[in-house]
Amino acid sequence: MTRFSEFSAVYYLEEPIFGSYENSFISFSERLPNLWVCVPHLRHGLDKVEVNRELKSLLNIFFVNRDTKDFMFWYYTPMALEFSYKIVPGLTVYDCMDELSAFKFAPDDLKDLERRLFNKADVVFTGGQSLYEAKKHQHYNIHPFQSSIDKKHFAKARSREVEPADQAAVDGPKLGFYGVIDERFDTDLIKNIADARPDWQIMLIGPVVKIDPAGLPKNKNIHYLGSKKYEELPLYLSGWDVALVPFLLNESTRFISPTKTPEYLAGGKPVVSSAIRDVVTPYAKNKLVSIGVDADDFIVAIEALLASPENEAWLTKVDEFLANNCWDNTFRSMMEIMTSTFESKTAQVSLAGE
């Protein structure tokens, strides 16, 4: 979105905040030139129908004296269709990042809303190849995009800067993970690794969501550091010896393409991952990442990596593989597709009016 804001105004609509408000309103915060974060504020106690009615009303107010045809609607979730479906923008994009219907506590009507969004969208992007394979029959103009990264940001981890205090205080080989700890996270795998190798320190960064924190393993060598800012991640990554992608293989991970994989690699860190399809191909097939089926596999792979921490040949292969993986390239490719789609749509409308 920051790259889009270099060419046009971007209004990023977030989830509503509920409070003791007399009337609903949207707050606007300009984070960068042309980039506005828009947060709806609604009163407590509204049910789902009322929430969507208020959001619809706020959206209609926003478009007073604005031509919707001058706007592009970019959807990250089909749920937003509930309050925006009647608005007709110049172009509709569905950025399908996950199979959201497979997630824990997914709304019952999510699949139906996604079907409707596929019908409304002019172009669809998918977050990875496996998700594309699962969705490609649902739209005529659908395109896969592997996880992209800010290489310069995560490459800071290679400089081995001073670690943050909460991690620097921990001694021993460090294995790390950052991301949401939820129903996709393999807690048993982490516990089994920690049990088998008590001298290894496992650093877990991120919020615990949709699962009971009481059920997480409590080994002394497992450290829950909580949520960290995006700017801090390279500092934590710099202190790890091995990075982990410890996901379960289930419906909620069937089509994921973890962005953390290329981020870890950009930071110069060796990676051991579960057999996630979009990690196996292309990362493991290019011998950039080790794959483990269970704790024993993970331990063997980690031991091998700890035994040879400096691997210049591997790092050279990583850099060659990631050479064209950046948000600038992703943005340019998406813009080309969107521009072509818009021009084709405009031409069809012109012909229909003749």
Protein backbone atom coordinates (compact mmCIF):
# COMPACT_ATOMS: atom_id res chain seq x y z
CA MET A 1 0.00 0.00 0.00
CA THR A 2 2.93 2.38 0.59
CA ARG A 3 3.94 1.86 -3.02
CA PHE A 4 0.41 2.52 -4.27
CA SER A 5 0.42 5.78 -2.31
CA GLU A 6 3.25 7.04 -4.52
CA PHE A 7 0.76 7.07 -7.42
CA SER A 8 -2.60 7.78 -5.81
CA ALA A 9 -4.35 8.37 -2.51
CA VAL A 10 -4.74 5.20 -0.42
CA TYR A 11 -7.42 4.83 2.26
CA TYR A 12 -6.78 1.74 4.35
CA LEU A 13 -9.94 0.78 6.25
CA GLU A 14 -9.25 -1.13 9.46
CA GLU A 15 -11.51 -3.12 11.79
CA PRO A 16 -13.88 -0.96 13.86
CA ILE A 17 -13.17 0.14 17.41
CA PHE A 18 -16.08 0.02 19.85
CA GLY A 19 -16.62 2.57 22.61
CA SER A 20 -19.05 4.92 24.32
CA TYR A 21 -19.79 7.06 21.28
CA GLU A 22 -23.02 8.94 20.63
CA ASN A 23 -22.56 8.68 16.87
CA SER A 24 -20.44 6.52 14.63
CA PHE A 25 -17.51 8.13 12.86
CA ILE A 26 -14.26 7.33 11.03
CA SER A 27 -10.91 8.71 12.19
CA PHE A 28 -8.31 9.44 9.50
CA SER A 29 -4.58 9.31 10.18
CA GLU A 30 -2.13 10.22 7.39
CA ARG A 31 0.82 7.87 8.00
CA LEU A 32 2.67 8.81 4.81
CA PRO A 33 1.88 11.32 2.07
CA ASN A 34 -1.29 10.02 0.36
CA LEU A 35 -1.57 7.03 2.76
CA TRP A 36 -4.47 7.27 5.21
CA VAL A 37 -5.37 4.72 7.88
CA CYS A 38 -9.12 4.90 8.46
CA VAL A 39 -10.60 3.48 11.67
CA PRO A 40 -14.39 3.28 12.18
CA HIS A 41 -15.55 4.05 15.73
CA LEU A 42 -18.85 2.43 16.69
CA ARG A 43 -20.79 2.32 19.94
CA HIS A 44 -20.75 -0.75 22.17
CA GLY A 45 -23.58 -3.25 22.02
CA LEU A 46 -24.28 -3.37 18.29
CA ASP A 47 -25.08 -6.77 16.80
CA LYS A 48 -23.60 -7.92 13.48
CA VAL A 49 -26.43 -6.51 11.36
CA GLU A 50 -26.20 -3.15 13.09
CA VAL A 51 -22.41 -3.05 12.75
CA ASN A 52 -22.62 -3.61 9.00
CA ARG A 53 -25.41 -1.03 8.70
CA GLU A 54 -23.26 1.57 10.48
CA LEU A 55 -20.20 0.74 8.36
CA LYS A 56 -22.30 0.99 5.20
CA SER A 57 -23.59 4.38 6.30
CA LEU A 58 -20.07 5.65 7.09
CA LEU A 59 -18.84 4.45 3.70
CA ASN A 60 -21.71 6.22 1.94
CA ILE A 61 -20.87 9.43 3.79
CA PHE A 62 -17.24 9.12 2.70
CA PHE A 63 -18.33 8.92 -0.94
CA VAL A 64 -20.54 12.02 -0.83
CA ASN A 65 -19.22 14.31 -3.58
CA ARG A 66 -16.79 11.59 -4.67
CA ASP A 67 -17.18 9.49 -7.81
CA THR A 68 -16.82 5.81 -6.89
CA LYS A 69 -15.63 5.08 -10.44
CA ASP A 70 -12.46 7.03 -9.57
CA PHE A 71 -11.67 4.47 -6.86
CA MET A 72 -10.26 0.96 -6.82
CA PHE A 73 -11.55 -1.34 -4.05
CA TRP A 74 -8.90 -3.73 -2.71
CA TYR A 75 -10.34 -6.51 -0.53
CA TYR A 76 -8.25 -8.54 1.92
CA THR A 77 -11.31 -10.32 3.30
CA PRO A 78 -14.71 -11.20 1.80
CA MET A 79 -16.34 -10.08 5.08
CA ALA A 80 -15.93 -6.44 3.98
CA LEU A 81 -18.38 -7.16 1.18
CA GLU A 82 -21.22 -7.15 3.74
CA PHE A 83 -21.16 -3.35 3.96
CA SER A 84 -19.66 -2.38 0.59
CA TYR A 85 -21.32 -4.67 -1.97
CA LYS A 86 -23.62 -1.98 -3.43
CA ILE A 87 -20.77 0.42 -4.22
CA VAL A 88 -19.44 0.09 -7.77
CA PRO A 89 -15.79 1.20 -8.02
CA GLY A 90 -13.75 1.56 -11.18
CA LEU A 91 -11.87 -1.66 -10.38
CA THR A 92 -12.29 -4.38 -7.76
CA VAL A 93 -9.31 -6.45 -6.58
CA TYR A 94 -9.47 -9.45 -4.24
CA ASP A 95 -6.11 -10.14 -2.60
CA CYS A 96 -6.73 -13.69 -1.41
CA MET A 97 -3.96 -14.26 1.13
CA ASP A 98 -5.26 -17.40 2.89
CA GLU A 99 -8.02 -19.98 2.87
CA LEU A 100 -9.77 -17.99 5.59
CA SER A 101 -12.71 -20.38 5.85
CA ALA A 102 -10.35 -23.05 7.27
CA PHE A 103 -9.26 -20.85 10.18
CA LYS A 104 -10.55 -21.36 13.69
CA PHE A 105 -13.76 -19.40 14.46
CA ALA A 106 -14.22 -18.48 10.77
CA PRO A 107 -17.70 -16.95 10.18
CA ASP A 108 -20.27 -19.36 8.77
CA ASP A 109 -21.05 -17.12 5.81
CA LEU A 110 -17.43 -16.60 4.77
CA LYS A 111 -17.51 -19.09 1.91
CA ASP A 112 -20.67 -17.59 0.44
CA LEU A 113 -19.24 -14.08 0.72
CA GLU A 114 -16.05 -15.19 -0.99
CA ARG A 115 -18.09 -16.68 -3.83
CA ARG A 116 -19.84 -13.34 -4.22
CA LEU A 117 -16.54 -11.48 -4.10
CA PHE A 118 -15.12 -13.69 -6.85
CA ASN A 119 -18.14 -12.72 -8.95
CA LYS A 120 -17.63 -9.02 -8.22
CA ALA A 121 -13.82 -8.88 -8.57
CA ASP A 122 -12.15 -7.79 -11.80
CA VAL A 123 -8.84 -9.35 -10.78
CA VAL A 124 -7.76 -11.80 -8.06
CA PHE A 125 -4.30 -12.25 -6.55
CA THR A 126 -3.41 -15.26 -4.39
CA GLY A 127 -0.75 -15.42 -1.71
CA GLY A 128 1.20 -18.34 -3.12
CA GLN A 129 1.10 -21.10 -5.70
CA SER A 130 -0.87 -23.72 -3.75
CA LEU A 131 -3.65 -21.24 -3.01
CA TYR A 132 -3.70 -20.33 -6.69
CA GLU A 133 -4.08 -24.00 -7.66
CA ALA A 134 -7.04 -24.31 -5.28
CA LYS A 135 -8.79 -21.14 -6.47
CA LYS A 136 -7.89 -20.79 -10.16
CA HIS A 137 -11.12 -22.36 -11.41
CA GLN A 138 -13.16 -19.69 -9.61
CA HIS A 139 -12.03 -16.66 -11.62
CA TYR A 140 -10.95 -15.89 -15.18
CA ASN A 141 -8.33 -13.30 -14.15
CA ILE A 142 -6.44 -14.81 -11.21
CA HIS A 143 -2.68 -14.59 -10.58
CA PRO A 144 -0.35 -16.16 -7.96
CA PHE A 145 2.21 -14.11 -6.03
CA GLN A 146 4.70 -15.72 -3.68
CA SER A 147 5.40 -13.98 -0.38
CA SER A 148 7.44 -10.86 -0.94
CA ILE A 149 9.79 -9.19 1.51
CA ASP A 150 11.66 -6.04 2.41
CA LYS A 151 15.14 -7.49 1.93
CA LYS A 152 17.04 -4.44 3.17
CA HIS A 153 15.05 -4.46 6.39
CA PHE A 154 15.68 -8.11 7.25
CA ALA A 155 19.26 -8.11 5.93
CA LYS A 156 20.06 -5.97 8.99
CA ALA A 157 20.07 -9.25 10.93
CA ARG A 158 23.33 -10.19 9.21
CA SER A 159 25.21 -7.39 10.95
CA ARG A 160 24.89 -9.12 14.33
CA GLU A 161 23.89 -5.95 16.10
CA VAL A 162 23.30 -5.93 19.85
CA GLU A 163 20.31 -8.10 20.69
CA PRO A 164 17.36 -6.68 22.64
CA ALA A 165 17.80 -7.13 26.39
CA ASP A 166 15.07 -9.76 26.86
CA GLN A 167 16.79 -12.06 24.35
CA ALA A 168 20.41 -11.14 25.09
CA ALA A 169 19.98 -12.36 28.67
CA VAL A 170 19.43 -15.92 27.43
CA ASP A 171 22.55 -18.06 26.99
CA GLY A 172 22.93 -21.02 24.65
CA PRO A 173 22.10 -21.90 21.05
CA LYS A 174 18.98 -19.98 20.04
CA LEU A 175 16.19 -21.26 17.83
CA GLY A 176 13.62 -18.66 16.89
CA PHE A 177 10.13 -18.07 15.53
CA TYR A 178 8.16 -14.88 15.08
CA GLY A 179 4.53 -14.70 14.05
CA VAL A 180 1.08 -15.38 15.43
CA ILE A 181 0.92 -18.34 17.80
CA ASP A 182 -2.48 -19.82 16.98
CA GLU A 183 -4.15 -23.05 15.87
CA ARG A 184 -1.58 -23.44 13.09
CA PHE A 185 1.37 -23.50 15.50
CA ASP A 186 2.68 -26.97 16.45
CA THR A 187 3.05 -26.66 20.22
CA ASP A 188 3.80 -30.37 20.61
CA LEU A 189 6.69 -30.09 18.16
CA ILE A 190 8.18 -27.20 20.13
CA LYS A 191 7.76 -29.06 23.44
CA ASN A 192 9.36 -32.23 22.07
CA ILE A 193 12.37 -30.31 20.76
CA ALA A 194 12.71 -28.47 24.09
CA ASP A 195 12.43 -31.72 26.05
CA ALA A 196 15.05 -33.49 23.93
CA ARG A 197 17.55 -30.62 23.91
CA PRO A 198 17.28 -28.64 27.19
CA ASP A 199 20.46 -26.72 26.33
CA TRP A 200 18.81 -25.22 23.23
CA GLN A 201 16.87 -22.00 23.83
CA ILE A 202 13.65 -21.52 21.86
CA MET A 203 12.64 -17.89 21.36
CA LEU A 204 8.97 -17.36 20.45
CA ILE A 205 7.88 -13.87 19.40
CA GLY A 206 4.27 -12.93 18.71
CA PRO A 207 0.77 -12.80 20.19
CA VAL A 208 -1.12 -15.89 21.33
CA VAL A 209 -4.45 -15.87 19.46
CA LYS A 210 -7.46 -18.22 19.37
CA ILE A 211 -5.77 -20.85 21.59
CA ASP A 212 -5.54 -21.10 25.38
CA PRO A 213 -2.14 -19.79 26.58
CA ALA A 214 -2.40 -22.21 29.49
CA GLY A 215 -1.93 -25.06 27.03
CA LEU A 216 1.44 -23.83 25.77
CA PRO A 217 4.55 -25.77 26.87
CA LYS A 218 6.27 -24.26 29.91
CA ASN A 219 9.81 -25.62 29.58
CA LYS A 220 12.53 -23.42 31.06
CA ASN A 221 14.21 -23.27 27.64
CA ILE A 222 11.10 -21.96 25.88
CA HIS A 223 10.88 -18.17 26.04
CA TYR A 224 7.68 -16.29 25.16
CA LEU A 225 8.79 -12.75 24.39
CA GLY A 226 5.38 -11.39 23.34
CA SER A 227 4.63 -9.11 20.40
CA LYS A 228 7.37 -6.95 18.91
CA LYS A 229 7.34 -4.10 16.44
CA TYR A 230 8.18 -4.80 12.81
CA GLU A 231 11.25 -2.55 13.16
CA GLU A 232 12.58 -4.75 15.99
CA LEU A 233 12.38 -8.11 14.22
CA PRO A 234 15.83 -7.99 12.54
CA LEU A 235 17.44 -7.32 15.94
CA TYR A 236 15.88 -10.46 17.38
CA LEU A 237 16.58 -12.46 14.24
CA SER A 238 20.26 -11.48 14.41
CA GLY A 239 20.72 -13.44 17.63
CA TRP A 240 19.24 -16.71 16.42
CA ASP A 241 21.32 -19.64 15.25
CA VAL A 242 18.41 -21.32 13.44
CA ALA A 243 14.98 -20.00 12.46
CA LEU A 244 11.89 -22.20 12.68
CA VAL A 245 8.64 -22.55 10.76
CA PRO A 246 6.88 -25.01 13.13
CA PHE A 247 3.41 -25.30 11.64
CA LEU A 248 0.97 -28.17 11.86
CA LEU A 249 -0.15 -29.74 8.60
CA ASN A 250 -3.91 -29.24 8.64
CA GLU A 251 -6.70 -27.44 6.78
CA SER A 252 -5.66 -24.04 8.10
CA THR A 253 -2.08 -24.47 6.78
CA ARG A 254 -2.89 -26.32 3.57
CA PHE A 255 -2.53 -23.25 1.35
CA ILE A 256 -0.36 -20.88 3.40
CA SER A 257 2.80 -19.34 2.01
CA PRO A 258 4.68 -18.13 5.12
CA THR A 259 6.29 -14.75 4.49
CA LYS A 260 8.67 -15.44 7.35
CA THR A 261 10.53 -18.04 5.25
CA PRO A 262 12.13 -15.56 2.80
CA GLU A 263 12.44 -13.00 5.63
CA TYR A 264 14.51 -15.45 7.69
CA LEU A 265 16.62 -16.21 4.63
CA ALA A 266 17.12 -12.52 3.85
CA GLY A 267 18.45 -12.21 7.41
CA GLY A 268 21.03 -14.88 6.61
CA LYS A 269 19.54 -17.46 8.95
CA PRO A 270 19.22 -21.17 8.17
CA VAL A 271 15.64 -22.41 8.36
CA VAL A 272 14.01 -25.67 9.43
CA SER A 273 10.34 -25.92 8.50
CA SER A 274 7.39 -28.26 8.58
CA ALA A 275 6.46 -29.68 5.18
CA ILE A 276 4.29 -26.71 4.13
CA ARG A 277 3.71 -27.04 0.37
CA ASP A 278 4.80 -23.50 -0.48
CA VAL A 279 7.95 -23.94 1.61
CA VAL A 280 8.87 -27.34 0.13
CA THR A 281 8.44 -25.76 -3.30
CA PRO A 282 10.46 -23.73 -4.04
CA TYR A 283 12.70 -23.32 -0.96
CA ALA A 284 13.46 -26.91 0.03
CA LYS A 285 13.66 -28.07 -3.59
CA ASN A 286 16.35 -25.44 -4.13
CA LYS A 287 18.16 -26.70 -1.00
CA LEU A 288 17.69 -23.40 0.80
CA VAL A 289 15.56 -24.74 3.67
CA SER A 290 15.54 -28.01 5.65
CA ILE A 291 12.24 -29.85 6.09
CA GLY A 292 11.22 -31.82 9.15
CA VAL A 293 8.27 -34.17 9.59
CA ASP A 294 8.54 -34.51 13.38
CA ALA A 295 10.71 -33.44 16.32
CA ASP A 296 13.39 -36.03 15.52
CA ASP A 297 13.72 -34.65 11.98
CA PHE A 298 13.90 -31.09 13.28
CA ILE A 299 16.58 -32.02 15.83
CA VAL A 300 18.75 -33.79 13.24
CA ALA A 301 18.48 -30.83 10.87
CA ILE A 302 19.18 -28.27 13.61
CA GLU A 303 22.19 -30.20 14.89
CA ALA A 304 23.66 -30.27 11.38
CA LEU A 305 23.16 -26.51 11.01
CA LEU A 306 24.66 -25.76 14.44
CA ALA A 307 27.68 -27.89 13.57
CA SER A 308 28.46 -25.74 10.49
CA PRO A 309 27.18 -22.21 11.19
CA GLU A 310 29.15 -20.52 8.42
CA ASN A 311 28.05 -21.64 4.96
CA GLU A 312 29.04 -19.08 2.34
CA ALA A 313 27.97 -21.28 -0.59
CA TRP A 314 24.47 -21.62 0.87
CA LEU A 315 24.23 -17.88 1.56
CA THR A 316 25.26 -17.12 -2.02
CA LYS A 317 22.46 -19.40 -3.28
CA VAL A 318 20.01 -17.64 -0.96
CA ASP A 319 20.95 -14.22 -2.30
CA GLU A 320 20.71 -15.40 -5.90
CA PHE A 321 17.27 -16.90 -5.26
CA LEU A 322 15.98 -13.78 -3.51
CA ALA A 323 17.51 -11.38 -6.04
CA ASN A 324 14.16 -10.60 -7.69
CA ASN A 325 12.00 -11.09 -4.61
CA CYS A 326 11.02 -7.65 -3.40
CA TRP A 327 7.88 -5.55 -2.94
CA ASP A 328 8.92 -3.23 -5.78
CA ASN A 329 8.79 -6.09 -8.29
CA THR A 330 5.54 -7.44 -6.84
CA PHE A 331 3.98 -3.99 -7.00
CA ARG A 332 5.05 -3.45 -10.61
CA SER A 333 3.69 -6.84 -11.69
CA MET A 334 0.38 -6.25 -9.92
CA MET A 335 0.08 -2.75 -11.41
CA GLU A 336 0.60 -4.10 -14.91
CA ILE A 337 -2.18 -6.66 -14.44
CA MET A 338 -4.53 -4.11 -12.87
CA THR A 339 -3.86 -1.49 -15.55
CA SER A 340 -4.43 -4.00 -18.34
CA THR A 341 -7.64 -5.20 -16.66
CA PHE A 342 -8.93 -1.65 -16.20
CA GLU A 343 -8.18 -0.70 -19.80
CA SER A 344 -9.94 -3.82 -21.07
CA LYS A 345 -12.93 -3.16 -18.81
CA THR A 346 -13.13 0.49 -19.93
CA ALA A 347 -12.96 -0.54 -23.58
CA GLN A 348 -15.80 -3.03 -23.11
CA VAL A 349 -17.95 -0.36 -21.43
CA SER A 350 -17.26 2.05 -24.31
CA LEU A 351 -18.24 -0.56 -26.90
CA ALA A 352 -21.40 -1.40 -25.00
CA GLY A 353 -22.40 2.27 -25.01
CA GLU A 354 -21.98 2.72 -28.73
